[in-house]
Amino acid sequence: MASPILREKLAAGAFFVVPGVQDMIAAVIADRVGFDILYGTGYWLTASAYGLPDAGIASYTQMVDRMATLARTSKAAIIADADTGYGGLLNVHHTVRGYAAAGVTAVQLEDQEFPKKCGHTPYKRLIPAEDMAQKLRVACEAREGDENLLIIARSDARQSEGLDGMLRRLEAYAKAGADVLFPEALESEAEMRAVCEAFELPVMANMSNGGVTPVPQADVLADIGFAFAIYPALTSLVAAHAMEKALTDLKHKGLGQPAEIFDFKTFCSLIGFEDVWAFEKKWGAAEK
């Protein structure tokens, strides 16, 4: 059974923020900071694990393994990016069941053609709205009674069909049974407010640093009417910036011990070495 925390937070009605994580290092740091829900981002988990763009190249098998590893590593509940469901209706059913078995709390599906593209890049192509609605009906049935496993419906229609087209699609997705609506790549705060005002269902915001959507402060998003916001790129881009600076300083200055660096002993504890040491203390003598 999925964790009830996301459903409970949505029912409480207080806005909250969810960081995206690209790897297990980011996951354990998010645990340390105290986040209780994380976003398993397709773009950045793919980039981190395989060095590939978010263009439908990573397979279901690869991604469900990454989500399972994330759910096992982190104490937090996981909102999992499942792209298009990796194919047709049978694939969607298999994806939801597989992600549920992996331990996630929510499965996000989008209305692009397979293979998909990152929502903040060009050349996206959409499937008909009714085809997506049917995918969502299949996804909801695939939960097999687990009310805590939520289905998130994402629409990428803003750039090709305009805001009105996206609103019509999201209305159809709400009627098909989605628990949360995800309007991707909105282009202004006015558009954000229009979507939130149009639906009684929770609407989530995607605060993708460097994308087409503005990234206002969290209190502004709450005032607009969003239920919560994900920040899929934040940890990845911050980490990439820090790594580039450290490596540049190493190459040009020979600086191998910068002033701003995470404590090694603390990280050993975060990644589980204390359990290893306790095991060695108990059983190590038996191997001698």
Foldseek 3Di string as FASTA:
>chain_A
DADQVVVVLLVVQDAEEAEEDQALLSQLVCVVVPDQEHEDDPQRVCCVPPVDGLQQPDALVVQLVRLLVSQVQHNHAYAYECEALRDAQVSLLVSLLSNVVSHHQEYEHEFWDPPAHPLQDDDTHGDDLVRSLVSLLSSVVSVVPPPRYFYEYEYSCCVPPNLVVVLVSQVSNVVSPHQEYEYTQDQELVSLLVSQVSDPHAYEYEQEPPGRHDDDDSVSSVVSRHRYYYHNCVVVVVVVVVVVVQVVCCVPVVDPDDPDDDDPVVVCVSRPVVVVVVCCVVCVVVVD
